[in-house]
């Protein structure tokens, strides 16, 4: 077994535990907006930005530690961080149009497919 998977799994478990623990202290909704997930997604993206810059400029660490922190911990804490990373990489390369298209398609298709999944279950259940 590739040890990278183990590090992703361990980090993911810890990130998911922290997400659930933190969500207990956040208000559920403000102005009909699901505040818990919004705050966790934003916090995860903020941590991802800090961590990405530190790893790029100051901290040369093993690939397993990167798997643990980024794909594992932050992926378990919020899958939105992976989206932000891909968008950020496109933006940093100067691919602004691609970044905007990626963000738009990600949000629109995710919502469409979410409701599509709901509809399929309603039809067949």
N, C-alpha and C. Protein backbone atom coordinates (compact mmCIF):
# COMPACT_ATOMS: atom_id res chain seq x y z
N UNK A 1 0.84 -1.19 0.00
CA UNK A 1 0.00 0.00 0.00
C UNK A 1 0.88 1.25 0.00
N UNK A 2 0.51 2.21 -0.78
CA UNK A 2 1.22 3.48 -0.83
C UNK A 2 1.01 4.21 0.50
N UNK A 3 2.11 4.61 1.16
CA UNK A 3 1.99 5.27 2.46
C UNK A 3 1.30 6.62 2.36
N UNK A 4 1.31 7.21 1.17
CA UNK A 4 0.60 8.49 0.99
C UNK A 4 -0.87 8.37 1.32
N UNK A 5 -1.48 7.23 0.97
CA UNK A 5 -2.90 7.02 1.29
C UNK A 5 -3.13 6.98 2.79
N UNK A 6 -2.21 6.38 3.51
CA UNK A 6 -2.33 6.32 4.96
C UNK A 6 -2.28 7.71 5.56
N UNK A 7 -1.36 8.54 5.07
CA UNK A 7 -1.24 9.90 5.58
C UNK A 7 -2.48 10.74 5.24
N UNK A 8 -3.01 10.55 4.04
CA UNK A 8 -4.25 11.25 3.66
C UNK A 8 -5.38 10.81 4.57
N UNK A 9 -5.48 9.52 4.81
CA UNK A 9 -6.55 9.00 5.66
C UNK A 9 -6.47 9.51 7.09
N UNK A 10 -5.28 9.50 7.66
CA UNK A 10 -5.11 9.99 9.03
C UNK A 10 -5.43 11.48 9.13
N UNK A 11 -4.90 12.24 8.18
CA UNK A 11 -5.18 13.68 8.18
C UNK A 11 -6.66 13.95 7.96
N UNK A 12 -7.27 13.19 7.05
CA UNK A 12 -8.70 13.36 6.77
C UNK A 12 -9.55 13.08 7.99
N UNK A 13 -9.20 12.05 8.73
CA UNK A 13 -9.96 11.73 9.95
C UNK A 13 -9.86 12.87 10.96
N UNK A 14 -8.67 13.38 11.15
CA UNK A 14 -8.49 14.49 12.10
C UNK A 14 -9.21 15.75 11.63
N UNK A 15 -9.13 16.04 10.33
CA UNK A 15 -9.81 17.21 9.80
C UNK A 15 -11.33 17.10 9.96
N UNK A 16 -11.87 15.93 9.69
CA UNK A 16 -13.32 15.73 9.83
C UNK A 16 -13.75 15.85 11.29
N UNK A 17 -12.95 15.32 12.20
CA UNK A 17 -13.27 15.43 13.63
C UNK A 17 -13.27 16.89 14.05
N UNK A 18 -12.26 17.65 13.61
CA UNK A 18 -12.21 19.07 13.95
C UNK A 18 -13.39 19.83 13.36
N UNK A 19 -13.79 19.49 12.12
CA UNK A 19 -14.94 20.15 11.49
C UNK A 19 -16.19 19.96 12.34
N UNK A 20 -16.44 18.73 12.76
CA UNK A 20 -17.64 18.44 13.56
C UNK A 20 -17.55 19.14 14.92
N UNK A 21 -16.39 19.09 15.55
CA UNK A 21 -16.22 19.73 16.86
C UNK A 21 -16.41 21.24 16.76
N UNK A 22 -15.80 21.86 15.76
CA UNK A 22 -15.91 23.30 15.59
C UNK A 22 -17.34 23.71 15.25
N UNK A 23 -18.02 22.91 14.46
CA UNK A 23 -19.38 23.28 14.04
C UNK A 23 -20.35 23.33 15.23
N UNK A 24 -20.02 22.67 16.30
CA UNK A 24 -20.88 22.72 17.50
C UNK A 24 -20.89 24.09 18.16
N UNK A 25 -19.87 24.89 17.88
CA UNK A 25 -19.76 26.21 18.51
C UNK A 25 -20.21 27.35 17.61
N UNK A 26 -20.54 27.04 16.38
CA UNK A 26 -20.94 28.08 15.43
C UNK A 26 -22.46 28.12 15.30
N UNK A 27 -23.03 29.30 15.09
CA UNK A 27 -24.48 29.37 14.87
C UNK A 27 -24.83 28.69 13.54
N UNK A 28 -26.00 28.06 13.51
CA UNK A 28 -26.40 27.31 12.32
C UNK A 28 -26.70 28.21 11.14
N UNK A 29 -27.54 29.21 11.34
CA UNK A 29 -27.96 30.08 10.24
C UNK A 29 -27.98 31.53 10.70
N UNK A 30 -27.63 32.41 9.79
CA UNK A 30 -27.84 33.85 9.96
C UNK A 30 -28.38 34.34 8.62
N UNK A 31 -29.52 34.99 8.65
CA UNK A 31 -30.19 35.47 7.45
C UNK A 31 -30.42 34.33 6.45
N UNK A 32 -30.77 33.17 6.95
CA UNK A 32 -31.06 31.98 6.15
C UNK A 32 -29.85 31.44 5.38
N UNK A 33 -28.65 31.82 5.81
CA UNK A 33 -27.41 31.33 5.21
C UNK A 33 -26.81 30.30 6.16
N UNK A 34 -26.48 29.10 5.66
CA UNK A 34 -25.88 28.07 6.53
C UNK A 34 -24.48 28.48 6.98
N UNK A 35 -24.42 29.12 8.11
CA UNK A 35 -23.19 29.76 8.57
C UNK A 35 -22.10 28.78 8.97
N UNK A 36 -22.47 27.63 9.54
CA UNK A 36 -21.44 26.68 9.99
C UNK A 36 -20.53 26.27 8.84
N UNK A 37 -21.12 25.78 7.77
CA UNK A 37 -20.33 25.29 6.64
C UNK A 37 -19.60 26.44 5.95
N UNK A 38 -20.26 27.58 5.83
CA UNK A 38 -19.61 28.74 5.23
C UNK A 38 -18.35 29.11 6.01
N UNK A 39 -18.46 29.21 7.32
CA UNK A 39 -17.30 29.57 8.15
C UNK A 39 -16.20 28.52 8.05
N UNK A 40 -16.58 27.26 8.09
CA UNK A 40 -15.58 26.19 8.02
C UNK A 40 -14.90 26.19 6.66
N UNK A 41 -15.67 26.37 5.57
CA UNK A 41 -15.06 26.43 4.24
C UNK A 41 -14.11 27.61 4.11
N UNK A 42 -14.52 28.76 4.59
CA UNK A 42 -13.68 29.95 4.51
C UNK A 42 -12.43 29.77 5.36
N UNK A 43 -12.58 29.25 6.57
CA UNK A 43 -11.44 29.00 7.44
C UNK A 43 -10.48 27.99 6.80
N UNK A 44 -11.03 26.93 6.24
CA UNK A 44 -10.19 25.92 5.57
C UNK A 44 -9.41 26.52 4.41
N UNK A 45 -10.04 27.37 3.64
CA UNK A 45 -9.36 28.02 2.52
C UNK A 45 -8.29 28.99 3.01
N UNK A 46 -8.57 29.68 4.11
CA UNK A 46 -7.59 30.59 4.70
C UNK A 46 -6.35 29.81 5.16
N UNK A 47 -6.59 28.69 5.85
CA UNK A 47 -5.49 27.84 6.30
C UNK A 47 -4.73 27.28 5.11
N UNK A 48 -5.46 26.90 4.06
CA UNK A 48 -4.81 26.38 2.85
C UNK A 48 -3.89 27.42 2.23
N UNK A 49 -4.34 28.67 2.18
CA UNK A 49 -3.51 29.74 1.63
C UNK A 49 -2.24 29.94 2.44
N UNK A 50 -2.37 29.96 3.75
CA UNK A 50 -1.21 30.11 4.63
C UNK A 50 -0.26 28.93 4.45
N UNK A 51 -0.82 27.74 4.49
CA UNK A 51 -0.01 26.52 4.40
C UNK A 51 0.69 26.39 3.05
N UNK A 52 -0.02 26.71 1.97
CA UNK A 52 0.57 26.62 0.64
C UNK A 52 1.76 27.56 0.52
N UNK A 53 1.62 28.77 1.03
CA UNK A 53 2.72 29.75 0.95
C UNK A 53 3.89 29.33 1.82
N UNK A 54 3.61 28.84 3.01
CA UNK A 54 4.68 28.38 3.90
C UNK A 54 5.43 27.21 3.26
N UNK A 55 4.68 26.26 2.69
CA UNK A 55 5.31 25.11 2.05
C UNK A 55 6.12 25.51 0.82
N UNK A 56 5.64 26.51 0.11
CA UNK A 56 6.35 26.95 -1.10
C UNK A 56 7.62 27.73 -0.79
N UNK A 57 7.58 28.51 0.27
CA UNK A 57 8.69 29.43 0.53
C UNK A 57 9.60 29.07 1.70
N UNK A 58 9.06 28.39 2.71
CA UNK A 58 9.82 28.28 3.95
C UNK A 58 9.98 26.87 4.51
N UNK A 59 9.13 25.95 4.15
CA UNK A 59 9.13 24.66 4.82
C UNK A 59 9.21 23.54 3.80
N UNK A 60 10.38 22.99 3.64
CA UNK A 60 10.56 21.85 2.75
C UNK A 60 10.29 20.59 3.56
N UNK A 61 9.15 19.97 3.31
CA UNK A 61 8.74 18.79 4.07
C UNK A 61 8.51 17.62 3.13
N UNK A 62 8.31 16.47 3.69
CA UNK A 62 8.12 15.27 2.88
C UNK A 62 6.77 15.31 2.16
N UNK A 63 6.68 14.53 1.10
CA UNK A 63 5.43 14.42 0.37
C UNK A 63 4.34 13.82 1.25
N UNK A 64 4.72 12.93 2.16
CA UNK A 64 3.73 12.36 3.07
C UNK A 64 3.14 13.41 4.00
N UNK A 65 3.98 14.33 4.47
CA UNK A 65 3.47 15.41 5.33
C UNK A 65 2.56 16.34 4.53
N UNK A 66 2.88 16.58 3.29
CA UNK A 66 2.02 17.40 2.44
C UNK A 66 0.67 16.69 2.22
N UNK A 67 0.72 15.39 1.97
CA UNK A 67 -0.52 14.61 1.82
C UNK A 67 -1.35 14.70 3.10
N UNK A 68 -0.69 14.55 4.24
CA UNK A 68 -1.38 14.60 5.53
C UNK A 68 -2.07 15.95 5.73
N UNK A 69 -1.34 17.03 5.48
CA UNK A 69 -1.85 18.37 5.76
C UNK A 69 -2.88 18.85 4.74
N UNK A 70 -2.56 18.73 3.45
CA UNK A 70 -3.40 19.35 2.42
C UNK A 70 -4.55 18.45 2.00
N UNK A 71 -4.24 17.32 1.38
CA UNK A 71 -5.33 16.44 0.93
C UNK A 71 -6.05 15.80 2.11
N UNK A 72 -5.30 15.44 3.16
CA UNK A 72 -5.89 14.78 4.30
C UNK A 72 -6.61 15.73 5.24
N UNK A 73 -5.85 16.46 6.02
CA UNK A 73 -6.45 17.30 7.06
C UNK A 73 -7.41 18.34 6.49
N UNK A 74 -6.93 19.14 5.54
CA UNK A 74 -7.80 20.18 4.99
C UNK A 74 -8.91 19.60 4.13
N UNK A 75 -8.62 18.48 3.44
CA UNK A 75 -9.66 17.81 2.68
C UNK A 75 -10.75 17.25 3.57
N UNK A 76 -10.37 16.74 4.75
CA UNK A 76 -11.35 16.26 5.71
C UNK A 76 -12.08 17.40 6.41
N UNK A 77 -11.36 18.48 6.63
CA UNK A 77 -11.96 19.65 7.28
C UNK A 77 -12.95 20.31 6.34
N UNK A 78 -12.57 20.46 5.07
CA UNK A 78 -13.45 21.02 4.07
C UNK A 78 -13.00 20.64 2.68
N UNK A 79 -13.87 20.05 1.90
CA UNK A 79 -13.50 19.73 0.53
C UNK A 79 -13.47 20.99 -0.33
N UNK A 80 -13.99 22.07 0.17
CA UNK A 80 -13.96 23.33 -0.56
C UNK A 80 -12.52 23.83 -0.73
N UNK A 81 -11.65 23.41 0.18
CA UNK A 81 -10.25 23.85 0.08
C UNK A 81 -9.58 23.30 -1.19
N UNK A 82 -9.95 22.12 -1.62
CA UNK A 82 -9.38 21.57 -2.86
C UNK A 82 -9.80 22.41 -4.05
N UNK A 83 -11.05 22.83 -4.08
CA UNK A 83 -11.54 23.72 -5.13
C UNK A 83 -10.76 25.04 -5.13
N UNK A 84 -10.57 25.61 -3.95
CA UNK A 84 -9.85 26.88 -3.83
C UNK A 84 -8.40 26.74 -4.31
N UNK A 85 -7.78 25.61 -4.01
CA UNK A 85 -6.41 25.38 -4.45
C UNK A 85 -6.33 25.34 -5.98
N UNK A 86 -7.21 24.60 -6.62
CA UNK A 86 -7.21 24.52 -8.08
C UNK A 86 -7.46 25.88 -8.71
N UNK A 87 -8.42 26.62 -8.16
CA UNK A 87 -8.69 27.97 -8.65
C UNK A 87 -7.46 28.86 -8.47
N UNK A 88 -6.85 28.79 -7.28
CA UNK A 88 -5.68 29.60 -7.00
C UNK A 88 -4.51 29.29 -7.91
N UNK A 89 -4.31 28.02 -8.23
CA UNK A 89 -3.22 27.65 -9.13
C UNK A 89 -3.45 28.21 -10.52
N UNK A 90 -4.68 28.14 -11.01
CA UNK A 90 -5.00 28.73 -12.31
C UNK A 90 -4.76 30.24 -12.30
N UNK A 91 -5.22 30.88 -11.24
CA UNK A 91 -5.09 32.33 -11.11
C UNK A 91 -3.62 32.74 -11.05
N UNK A 92 -2.84 32.04 -10.23
CA UNK A 92 -1.42 32.37 -10.09
C UNK A 92 -0.65 32.18 -11.39
N UNK A 93 -1.10 31.26 -12.25
CA UNK A 93 -0.46 31.05 -13.56
C UNK A 93 -0.89 32.12 -14.56
N UNK A 94 -1.81 32.97 -14.18
CA UNK A 94 -2.30 34.00 -15.09
C UNK A 94 -3.43 33.52 -15.98
N UNK A 95 -3.97 32.36 -15.71
CA UNK A 95 -5.09 31.80 -16.50
C UNK A 95 -6.41 32.29 -15.91
N UNK A 96 -6.63 33.59 -15.98
CA UNK A 96 -7.79 34.20 -15.32
C UNK A 96 -9.11 33.72 -15.90
N UNK A 97 -9.19 33.64 -17.20
CA UNK A 97 -10.43 33.19 -17.84
C UNK A 97 -10.72 31.75 -17.45
N UNK A 98 -9.70 30.90 -17.48
CA UNK A 98 -9.87 29.50 -17.08
C UNK A 98 -10.30 29.41 -15.62
N UNK A 99 -9.73 30.26 -14.77
CA UNK A 99 -10.09 30.25 -13.36
C UNK A 99 -11.56 30.62 -13.16
N UNK A 100 -12.01 31.64 -13.88
CA UNK A 100 -13.41 32.06 -13.78
C UNK A 100 -14.34 30.98 -14.32
N UNK A 101 -13.98 30.39 -15.43
CA UNK A 101 -14.80 29.31 -16.00
C UNK A 101 -14.84 28.13 -15.04
N UNK A 102 -13.69 27.77 -14.48
CA UNK A 102 -13.62 26.66 -13.53
C UNK A 102 -14.51 26.93 -12.31
N UNK A 103 -14.42 28.13 -11.76
CA UNK A 103 -15.22 28.47 -10.58
C UNK A 103 -16.71 28.44 -10.91
N UNK A 104 -17.07 29.02 -12.03
CA UNK A 104 -18.48 29.06 -12.42
C UNK A 104 -19.01 27.66 -12.66
N UNK A 105 -18.27 26.86 -13.44
CA UNK A 105 -18.71 25.49 -13.72
C UNK A 105 -18.78 24.66 -12.44
N UNK A 106 -17.83 24.83 -11.54
CA UNK A 106 -17.83 24.06 -10.30
C UNK A 106 -19.07 24.34 -9.46
N UNK A 107 -19.37 25.61 -9.30
CA UNK A 107 -20.53 25.98 -8.48
C UNK A 107 -21.83 25.57 -9.18
N UNK A 108 -21.97 25.95 -10.44
CA UNK A 108 -23.22 25.67 -11.16
C UNK A 108 -23.46 24.17 -11.30
N UNK A 109 -22.46 23.43 -11.77
CA UNK A 109 -22.66 21.98 -11.96
C UNK A 109 -22.84 21.26 -10.64
N UNK A 110 -22.14 21.69 -9.59
CA UNK A 110 -22.32 21.04 -8.28
C UNK A 110 -23.75 21.19 -7.80
N UNK A 111 -24.31 22.37 -7.97
CA UNK A 111 -25.69 22.60 -7.53
C UNK A 111 -26.66 21.84 -8.42
N UNK A 112 -26.45 21.88 -9.72
CA UNK A 112 -27.32 21.14 -10.65
C UNK A 112 -27.30 19.65 -10.34
N UNK A 113 -26.11 19.09 -10.18
CA UNK A 113 -26.00 17.66 -9.91
C UNK A 113 -26.52 17.29 -8.53
N UNK A 114 -26.40 18.19 -7.57
CA UNK A 114 -26.99 17.95 -6.25
C UNK A 114 -28.50 17.76 -6.39
N UNK A 115 -29.13 18.70 -7.08
CA UNK A 115 -30.58 18.59 -7.26
C UNK A 115 -30.94 17.42 -8.18
N UNK A 116 -30.07 17.11 -9.15
CA UNK A 116 -30.28 15.93 -9.98
C UNK A 116 -30.28 14.65 -9.16
N UNK A 117 -29.34 14.56 -8.22
CA UNK A 117 -29.31 13.41 -7.32
C UNK A 117 -30.55 13.31 -6.47
N UNK A 118 -31.02 14.44 -5.97
CA UNK A 118 -32.27 14.44 -5.21
C UNK A 118 -33.42 13.94 -6.06
N UNK A 119 -33.49 14.44 -7.28
CA UNK A 119 -34.58 14.08 -8.19
C UNK A 119 -34.56 12.59 -8.54
N UNK A 120 -33.38 12.04 -8.81
CA UNK A 120 -33.28 10.62 -9.15
C UNK A 120 -33.80 9.75 -8.02
N UNK A 121 -33.41 10.09 -6.81
CA UNK A 121 -33.88 9.29 -5.65
C UNK A 121 -35.39 9.44 -5.49
N UNK A 122 -35.92 10.65 -5.70
CA UNK A 122 -37.38 10.84 -5.62
C UNK A 122 -38.10 10.02 -6.67
N UNK A 123 -37.51 9.91 -7.85
CA UNK A 123 -38.15 9.16 -8.94
C UNK A 123 -38.14 7.66 -8.65
N UNK A 124 -36.99 7.14 -8.19
CA UNK A 124 -36.83 5.69 -8.04
C UNK A 124 -37.14 5.18 -6.64
N UNK A 125 -37.35 6.04 -5.70
CA UNK A 125 -37.58 5.56 -4.32
C UNK A 125 -39.05 5.60 -3.96
